[in-house]
Amino acid sequence: MNRILIVEDDEAISNLIRLNLAKAGYACQQAMDGESAADLMGIRPGKPDV
């Protein structure tokens, strides 16, 4: 099953997106901001490569 990370600060919109994607067969995770999304993806803040 394909997974999608939804990053949206409006909870109602995020839930609507998740609901529609789940109906289409996607597994979804939700994050309310970029920092939470980075944590879910295992990305740690640090010095950029470029």
N, C-alpha and C. Protein backbone atom coordinates (compact mmCIF):
# COMPACT_ATOMS: atom_id res chain seq x y z
N MET A 1 0.85 -1.18 0.00
CA MET A 1 0.00 0.00 0.00
C MET A 1 0.89 1.24 0.00
N ASN A 2 0.57 2.19 -0.84
CA ASN A 2 1.31 3.45 -0.90
C ASN A 2 0.97 4.32 0.29
N ARG A 3 1.97 5.04 0.78
CA ARG A 3 1.78 5.90 1.94
C ARG A 3 1.95 7.36 1.54
N ILE A 4 1.14 8.21 2.16
CA ILE A 4 1.19 9.65 1.90
C ILE A 4 1.26 10.38 3.23
N LEU A 5 2.15 11.36 3.30
CA LEU A 5 2.24 12.23 4.47
C LEU A 5 1.53 13.53 4.13
N ILE A 6 0.49 13.82 4.89
CA ILE A 6 -0.29 15.05 4.70
C ILE A 6 0.23 16.08 5.69
N VAL A 7 0.68 17.22 5.18
CA VAL A 7 1.15 18.31 6.03
C VAL A 7 0.20 19.48 5.82
N GLU A 8 -0.62 19.73 6.82
CA GLU A 8 -1.66 20.77 6.72
C GLU A 8 -1.97 21.25 8.13
N ASP A 9 -1.97 22.57 8.33
CA ASP A 9 -2.20 23.10 9.67
C ASP A 9 -3.68 23.23 10.03
N ASP A 10 -4.55 23.12 9.05
CA ASP A 10 -5.99 23.16 9.33
C ASP A 10 -6.47 21.72 9.50
N GLU A 11 -6.86 21.36 10.71
CA GLU A 11 -7.23 19.98 11.03
C GLU A 11 -8.40 19.47 10.19
N ALA A 12 -9.39 20.32 9.96
CA ALA A 12 -10.56 19.90 9.17
C ALA A 12 -10.16 19.56 7.74
N ILE A 13 -9.32 20.38 7.14
CA ILE A 13 -8.86 20.13 5.78
C ILE A 13 -7.99 18.87 5.74
N SER A 14 -7.11 18.74 6.71
CA SER A 14 -6.24 17.56 6.79
C SER A 14 -7.06 16.28 6.89
N ASN A 15 -8.09 16.30 7.72
CA ASN A 15 -8.95 15.13 7.89
C ASN A 15 -9.73 14.82 6.61
N LEU A 16 -10.17 15.85 5.91
CA LEU A 16 -10.89 15.66 4.65
C LEU A 16 -9.97 15.02 3.60
N ILE A 17 -8.76 15.53 3.51
CA ILE A 17 -7.79 14.96 2.58
C ILE A 17 -7.51 13.50 2.93
N ARG A 18 -7.26 13.23 4.22
CA ARG A 18 -6.97 11.87 4.68
C ARG A 18 -8.12 10.93 4.35
N LEU A 19 -9.33 11.37 4.60
CA LEU A 19 -10.51 10.54 4.35
C LEU A 19 -10.61 10.16 2.87
N ASN A 20 -10.42 11.14 1.99
CA ASN A 20 -10.51 10.87 0.55
C ASN A 20 -9.37 9.99 0.05
N LEU A 21 -8.17 10.22 0.57
CA LEU A 21 -7.05 9.38 0.15
C LEU A 21 -7.20 7.96 0.68
N ALA A 22 -7.71 7.80 1.89
CA ALA A 22 -7.93 6.47 2.45
C ALA A 22 -8.97 5.71 1.62
N LYS A 23 -10.01 6.40 1.18
CA LYS A 23 -11.01 5.77 0.31
C LYS A 23 -10.40 5.31 -1.01
N ALA A 24 -9.36 6.01 -1.45
CA ALA A 24 -8.68 5.66 -2.70
C ALA A 24 -7.62 4.57 -2.48
N GLY A 25 -7.46 4.13 -1.23
CA GLY A 25 -6.56 3.03 -0.95
C GLY A 25 -5.18 3.41 -0.44
N TYR A 26 -4.99 4.65 -0.05
CA TYR A 26 -3.69 5.08 0.46
C TYR A 26 -3.66 5.02 1.99
N ALA A 27 -2.49 4.70 2.52
CA ALA A 27 -2.26 4.80 3.96
C ALA A 27 -1.74 6.22 4.21
N CYS A 28 -2.31 6.90 5.18
CA CYS A 28 -1.95 8.30 5.41
C CYS A 28 -1.45 8.55 6.82
N GLN A 29 -0.50 9.46 6.90
CA GLN A 29 -0.07 10.01 8.17
C GLN A 29 -0.30 11.51 8.07
N GLN A 30 -0.54 12.13 9.22
CA GLN A 30 -0.81 13.56 9.23
C GLN A 30 0.17 14.29 10.13
N ALA A 31 0.57 15.48 9.68
CA ALA A 31 1.41 16.37 10.46
C ALA A 31 0.81 17.77 10.37
N MET A 32 0.87 18.48 11.46
CA MET A 32 0.27 19.82 11.49
C MET A 32 1.24 20.92 11.06
N ASP A 33 2.55 20.60 10.97
CA ASP A 33 3.53 21.60 10.56
C ASP A 33 4.77 20.91 10.02
N GLY A 34 5.67 21.70 9.48
CA GLY A 34 6.88 21.16 8.87
C GLY A 34 7.77 20.42 9.85
N GLU A 35 7.86 20.92 11.07
CA GLU A 35 8.70 20.27 12.08
C GLU A 35 8.17 18.87 12.40
N SER A 36 6.86 18.76 12.56
CA SER A 36 6.25 17.45 12.83
C SER A 36 6.44 16.52 11.64
N ALA A 37 6.33 17.05 10.43
CA ALA A 37 6.52 16.24 9.23
C ALA A 37 7.96 15.73 9.16
N ALA A 38 8.91 16.59 9.47
CA ALA A 38 10.32 16.19 9.46
C ALA A 38 10.57 15.09 10.49
N ASP A 39 9.95 15.20 11.65
CA ASP A 39 10.10 14.17 12.68
C ASP A 39 9.54 12.83 12.18
N LEU A 40 8.38 12.86 11.56
CA LEU A 40 7.78 11.63 11.05
C LEU A 40 8.63 10.99 9.95
N MET A 41 9.31 11.81 9.18
CA MET A 41 10.13 11.31 8.08
C MET A 41 11.55 10.96 8.54
N GLY A 42 11.88 11.27 9.79
CA GLY A 42 13.21 10.97 10.30
C GLY A 42 14.26 11.98 9.87
N ILE A 43 13.82 13.16 9.46
CA ILE A 43 14.74 14.21 9.04
C ILE A 43 15.08 15.06 10.26
N ARG A 44 16.33 15.25 10.49
CA ARG A 44 16.77 16.07 11.62
C ARG A 44 17.34 17.38 11.11
N PRO A 45 17.01 18.47 11.79
CA PRO A 45 17.56 19.76 11.36
C PRO A 45 19.09 19.75 11.49
N GLY A 46 19.71 20.42 10.60
CA GLY A 46 21.17 20.51 10.63
C GLY A 46 21.66 21.40 9.53
N LYS A 47 22.92 21.33 9.32
CA LYS A 47 23.56 22.15 8.30
C LYS A 47 23.17 21.63 6.92
N PRO A 48 22.73 22.52 6.01
CA PRO A 48 22.37 22.08 4.65
C PRO A 48 23.59 21.58 3.90
N ASP A 49 23.38 20.67 2.96
CA ASP A 49 24.45 20.16 2.11
C ASP A 49 24.84 21.16 1.03
N VAL A 50 23.90 21.97 0.63
CA VAL A 50 24.17 22.95 -0.43
C VAL A 50 23.81 24.33 0.03
